[in-house]
C-alpha atoms as a PDB file:
ATOM      1  CA  MET A   1      -5.377 -12.143 -10.487  1.00  0.00           C
ATOM      2  CA  LEU A   2      -4.857  -8.642  -9.074  1.00  0.00           C
ATOM      3  CA  ARG A   3      -2.431  -8.079  -6.512  1.00  0.00           C
ATOM      4  CA  ARG A   4      -2.663  -5.314  -3.950  1.00  0.00           C
ATOM      5  CA  GLY A   5       0.159  -3.902  -1.877  1.00  0.00           C
ATOM      6  CA  VAL A   6       2.590  -4.093  -4.607  1.00  0.00           C
ATOM      7  CA  LEU A   7       5.839  -2.175  -3.880  1.00  0.00           C
ATOM      8  CA  ILE A   8       7.502  -1.405  -7.351  1.00  0.00           C
ATOM      9  CA  ASP A   9      11.241  -1.394  -7.700  1.00  0.00           C
ATOM     10  CA  THR A  10      13.540   0.546 -10.455  1.00  0.00           C
ATOM     11  CA  GLY A  11      13.818  -2.601 -12.806  1.00  0.00           C
ATOM     12  CA  PRO A  12      10.010  -3.185 -13.614  1.00  0.00           C
ATOM     13  CA  LEU A  13       9.673   0.803 -13.619  1.00  0.00           C
ATOM     14  CA  VAL A  14      12.320   1.242 -15.959  1.00  0.00           C
ATOM     15  CA  SER A  15      11.180  -1.957 -18.191  1.00  0.00           C
ATOM     16  CA  PHE A  16       7.618  -0.696 -18.133  1.00  0.00           C
ATOM     17  CA  LEU A  17       8.623   2.684 -19.684  1.00  0.00           C
ATOM     18  CA  ASP A  18      11.690   1.608 -22.071  1.00  0.00           C
ATOM     19  CA  ARG A  19      10.512  -1.038 -24.449  1.00  0.00           C
ATOM     20  CA  ARG A  20      14.242  -1.677 -25.264  1.00  0.00           C
ATOM     21  CA  GLU A  21      14.662  -3.357 -21.842  1.00  0.00           C
ATOM     22  CA  PRO A  22      14.677  -7.227 -21.892  1.00  0.00           C
ATOM     23  CA  GLN A  23      11.963  -7.502 -19.603  1.00  0.00           C
ATOM     24  CA  HIS A  24       9.598  -4.765 -21.131  1.00  0.00           C
ATOM     25  CA  ALA A  25       6.859  -7.176 -22.465  1.00  0.00           C
ATOM     26  CA  TRP A  26       6.697  -9.239 -19.257  1.00  0.00           C
ATOM     27  CA  VAL A  27       6.686  -6.150 -16.970  1.00  0.00           C
ATOM     28  CA  ARG A  28       3.871  -4.709 -19.187  1.00  0.00           C
ATOM     29  CA  ALA A  29       1.802  -7.952 -18.862  1.00  0.00           C
ATOM     30  CA  ARG A  30       2.442  -8.298 -15.012  1.00  0.00           C
ATOM     31  CA  MET A  31       1.533  -4.327 -14.617  1.00  0.00           C
ATOM     32  CA  ARG A  32      -2.339  -5.733 -15.503  1.00  0.00           C
ATOM     33  CA  ASP A  33      -2.148  -8.087 -12.739  1.00  0.00           C
ATOM     34  CA  CYS A  34      -1.296  -5.357 -10.124  1.00  0.00           C
ATOM     35  CA  ALA A  35      -4.098  -3.082  -8.292  1.00  0.00           C
ATOM     36  CA  ALA A  36      -3.099   0.433  -8.626  1.00  0.00           C
ATOM     37  CA  PRO A  37      -1.584   2.493  -7.043  1.00  0.00           C
ATOM     38  CA  LEU A  38       1.751   0.809  -7.030  1.00  0.00           C
ATOM     39  CA  GLN A  39       3.644   1.944  -3.886  1.00  0.00           C
ATOM     40  CA  THR A  40       7.501   3.153  -4.218  1.00  0.00           C
ATOM     41  CA  CYS A  41       9.618   5.422  -2.639  1.00  0.00           C
ATOM     42  CA  GLU A  42      11.705   8.360  -3.684  1.00  0.00           C
ATOM     43  CA  ALA A  43      14.904   6.385  -4.133  1.00  0.00           C
ATOM     44  CA  VAL A  44      13.333   4.241  -6.672  1.00  0.00           C
ATOM     45  CA  LEU A  45      12.182   7.136  -8.852  1.00  0.00           C
ATOM     46  CA  SER A  46      15.658   8.819  -8.474  1.00  0.00           C
ATOM     47  CA  GLU A  47      17.265   5.567  -9.812  1.00  0.00           C
ATOM     48  CA  ALA A  48      14.585   5.121 -12.458  1.00  0.00           C
ATOM     49  CA  MET A  49      14.985   8.887 -13.742  1.00  0.00           C
ATOM     50  CA  HIS A  50      18.759   8.228 -13.979  1.00  0.00           C
ATOM     51  CA  LEU A  51      18.661   5.208 -15.743  1.00  0.00           C
ATOM     52  CA  LEU A  52      15.819   6.332 -18.204  1.00  0.00           C
ATOM     53  CA  ARG A  53      18.077   9.594 -19.253  1.00  0.00           C
ATOM     54  CA  ARG A  54      19.475   6.901 -22.148  1.00  0.00           C
ATOM     55  CA  ALA A  55      16.118   5.747 -23.336  1.00  0.00           C
ATOM     56  CA  PRO A  56      14.443   7.720 -25.955  1.00  0.00           C
ATOM     57  CA  GLY A  57      11.616   9.878 -24.145  1.00  0.00           C
ATOM     58  CA  GLY A  58      12.621   8.374 -20.982  1.00  0.00           C
ATOM     59  CA  PRO A  59      12.437  10.872 -18.457  1.00  0.00           C
ATOM     60  CA  GLU A  60       9.699  12.510 -20.055  1.00  0.00           C
ATOM     61  CA  SER A  61       7.764   9.178 -19.892  1.00  0.00           C
ATOM     62  CA  LEU A  62       8.358   8.928 -15.914  1.00  0.00           C
ATOM     63  CA  ARG A  63       7.448  12.600 -15.657  1.00  0.00           C
ATOM     64  CA  ALA A  64       4.194  11.742 -17.536  1.00  0.00           C
ATOM     65  CA  LEU A  65       3.477   8.737 -15.120  1.00  0.00           C
ATOM     66  CA  LEU A  66       4.220  10.809 -11.985  1.00  0.00           C
ATOM     67  CA  GLN A  67       1.964  13.689 -13.323  1.00  0.00           C
ATOM     68  CA  ARG A  68      -1.121  11.296 -13.502  1.00  0.00           C
ATOM     69  CA  GLY A  69      -0.381  10.922  -9.622  1.00  0.00           C
ATOM     70  CA  LEU A  70      -1.793   8.392  -7.156  1.00  0.00           C
ATOM     71  CA  VAL A  71      -3.873   6.624  -9.896  1.00  0.00           C
ATOM     72  CA  ILE A  72      -0.669   4.525 -11.010  1.00  0.00           C
ATOM     73  CA  LEU A  73       2.056   5.085  -8.548  1.00  0.00           C
ATOM     74  CA  SER A  74       2.049   6.334  -4.759  1.00  0.00           C
ATOM     75  CA  VAL A  75       5.386   7.276  -3.003  1.00  0.00           C
ATOM     76  CA  SER A  76       4.271   6.318   0.194  1.00  0.00           C
ATOM     77  CA  PHE A  77       7.723   6.079   2.424  1.00  0.00           C
ATOM     78  CA  ASP A  78       8.775   8.591   4.665  1.00  0.00           C
ATOM     79  CA  LEU A  79      12.902   7.794   4.776  1.00  0.00           C
ATOM     80  CA  ARG A  80      13.176  10.488   7.472  1.00  0.00           C
ATOM     81  CA  ARG A  81      10.950   8.342   9.977  1.00  0.00           C
ATOM     82  CA  GLU A  82      12.368   5.243   8.517  1.00  0.00           C
ATOM     83  CA  LEU A  83      15.967   6.256   8.588  1.00  0.00           C
ATOM     84  CA  ALA A  84      17.239   4.147  11.667  1.00  0.00           C
ATOM     85  CA  PRO A  85      15.826   0.615  10.202  1.00  0.00           C
ATOM     86  CA  VAL A  86      16.995   1.578   6.569  1.00  0.00           C
ATOM     87  CA  LEU A  87      20.641   2.389   7.808  1.00  0.00           C
ATOM     88  CA  THR A  88      20.597  -1.019   9.608  1.00  0.00           C
ATOM     89  CA  LEU A  89      19.595  -2.624   6.400  1.00  0.00           C
ATOM     90  CA  LEU A  90      22.081  -0.976   4.642  1.00  0.00           C
ATOM     91  CA  ARG A  91      24.893  -1.976   7.216  1.00  0.00           C
ATOM     92  CA  ALA A  92      23.616  -5.427   7.124  1.00  0.00           C
ATOM     93  CA  TYR A  93      24.048  -5.972   3.447  1.00  0.00           C
ATOM     94  CA  ASP A  94      26.758  -3.571   2.841  1.00  0.00           C
ATOM     95  CA  ASP A  95      28.622  -6.821   1.014  1.00  0.00           C
ATOM     96  CA  LEU A  96      26.475  -7.087  -1.854  1.00  0.00           C
ATOM     97  CA  PRO A  97      26.027  -3.948  -1.819  1.00  0.00           C
ATOM     98  CA  MET A  98      22.345  -3.083  -1.195  1.00  0.00           C
ATOM     99  CA  SER A  99      21.073   0.152  -2.645  1.00  0.00           C
ATOM    100  CA  LEU A 100      19.111   2.899  -0.660  1.00  0.00           C
ATOM    101  CA  ALA A 101      16.068   1.969  -2.910  1.00  0.00           C
ATOM    102  CA  ASP A 102      16.448  -1.831  -2.280  1.00  0.00           C
ATOM    103  CA  ALA A 103      16.685  -0.920   1.768  1.00  0.00           C
ATOM    104  CA  CYS A 104      13.828   1.323   1.442  1.00  0.00           C
ATOM    105  CA  LEU A 105      11.585  -1.159  -0.391  1.00  0.00           C
ATOM    106  CA  VAL A 106      12.780  -4.165   2.039  1.00  0.00           C
ATOM    107  CA  ARG A 107      11.639  -1.506   5.126  1.00  0.00           C
ATOM    108  CA  MET A 108       8.195  -1.057   3.171  1.00  0.00           C
ATOM    109  CA  ALA A 109       7.782  -4.870   3.078  1.00  0.00           C
ATOM    110  CA  GLU A 110       8.487  -5.166   7.022  1.00  0.00           C
ATOM    111  CA  LEU A 111       5.905  -2.305   7.833  1.00  0.00           C
ATOM    112  CA  ASP A 112       3.124  -4.219   5.567  1.00  0.00           C
ATOM    113  CA  ASP A 113       3.019  -7.922   5.866  1.00  0.00           C
ATOM    114  CA  GLN A 114       0.693  -8.272   2.975  1.00  0.00           C
ATOM    115  CA  ALA A 115       3.394  -6.321   0.689  1.00  0.00           C
ATOM    116  CA  VAL A 116       4.817  -7.958  -2.370  1.00  0.00           C
ATOM    117  CA  VAL A 117       8.077  -6.448  -4.058  1.00  0.00           C
ATOM    118  CA  PHE A 118       7.824  -6.268  -7.863  1.00  0.00           C
ATOM    119  CA  THR A 119      11.389  -6.462  -9.164  1.00  0.00           C
ATOM    120  CA  THR A 120      13.890  -7.859 -11.577  1.00  0.00           C
ATOM    121  CA  ASP A 121      16.797  -7.608  -9.116  1.00  0.00           C
ATOM    122  CA  ARG A 122      18.178 -10.883  -7.878  1.00  0.00           C
ATOM    123  CA  ASP A 123      19.443  -9.417  -4.902  1.00  0.00           C
ATOM    124  CA  PHE A 124      16.024  -9.412  -3.346  1.00  0.00           C
ATOM    125  CA  LEU A 125      16.246 -13.231  -3.214  1.00  0.00           C
ATOM    126  CA  ILE A 126      19.062 -12.665  -0.628  1.00  0.00           C
ATOM    127  CA  TYR A 127      17.460  -9.637   1.501  1.00  0.00           C
ATOM    128  CA  ARG A 128      15.255 -10.706   4.522  1.00  0.00           C
ATOM    129  CA  LYS A 129      12.545  -8.863   6.429  1.00  0.00           C
ATOM    130  CA  HIS A 130      13.017  -8.290  10.023  1.00  0.00           C
ATOM    131  CA  GLY A 131      16.250 -10.437   9.490  1.00  0.00           C
ATOM    132  CA  ARG A 132      14.906 -13.936   8.882  1.00  0.00           C
ATOM    133  CA  GLN A 133      11.672 -13.804   6.596  1.00  0.00           C
ATOM    134  CA  PRO A 134      11.976 -13.762   2.669  1.00  0.00           C
ATOM    135  CA  VAL A 135      10.753 -10.853   1.112  1.00  0.00           C
ATOM    136  CA  PRO A 136       7.657 -11.706  -1.058  1.00  0.00           C
ATOM    137  CA  LEU A 137       8.527 -11.228  -4.582  1.00  0.00           C
ATOM    138  CA  PHE A 138       6.776 -10.578  -7.923  1.00  0.00           C
ATOM    139  CA  PHE A 139       9.893 -11.797 -10.247  1.00  0.00           C
ATOM    140  CA  PRO A 140      10.159 -12.785 -13.691  1.00  0.00           C
ATOM    141  CA  PRO A 141      10.699 -16.413 -14.536  1.00  0.00           C
ATOM    142  CA  GLU A 142      14.315 -17.774 -15.027  1.00  0.00           C
ATOM    143  CA  GLU A 143      15.297 -17.676 -18.618  1.00  0.00           C
END
């Protein structure tokens, strides 16, 4: 089944590019279920680049993925325009704490009712769209 409107989080992006990650095989297999391009935000890319610095060839693999352009990934979020709602989310979940990338993805899910967040982050089970609605997730099974 091809899923459209997939918002990719840092965990799956890092797992996709780093075969040492525990979710690597699951993420690779699930990527085939997603219609390209996967939507993301600059905060996710920043987190991923930071985490991939420890992986052999990690930063280069992300640069190569980005260089392929909109075929695979699309940075489709304008933080400047969505800053107020993102800051509201960050305040609402400051006890977790919610990362900027997570807040951006939740806001992206609020803006697209059909969107599904592809994540390995269990905090997304707590986050809510519009204050009440669970965020639809594409999530690995419990191990």
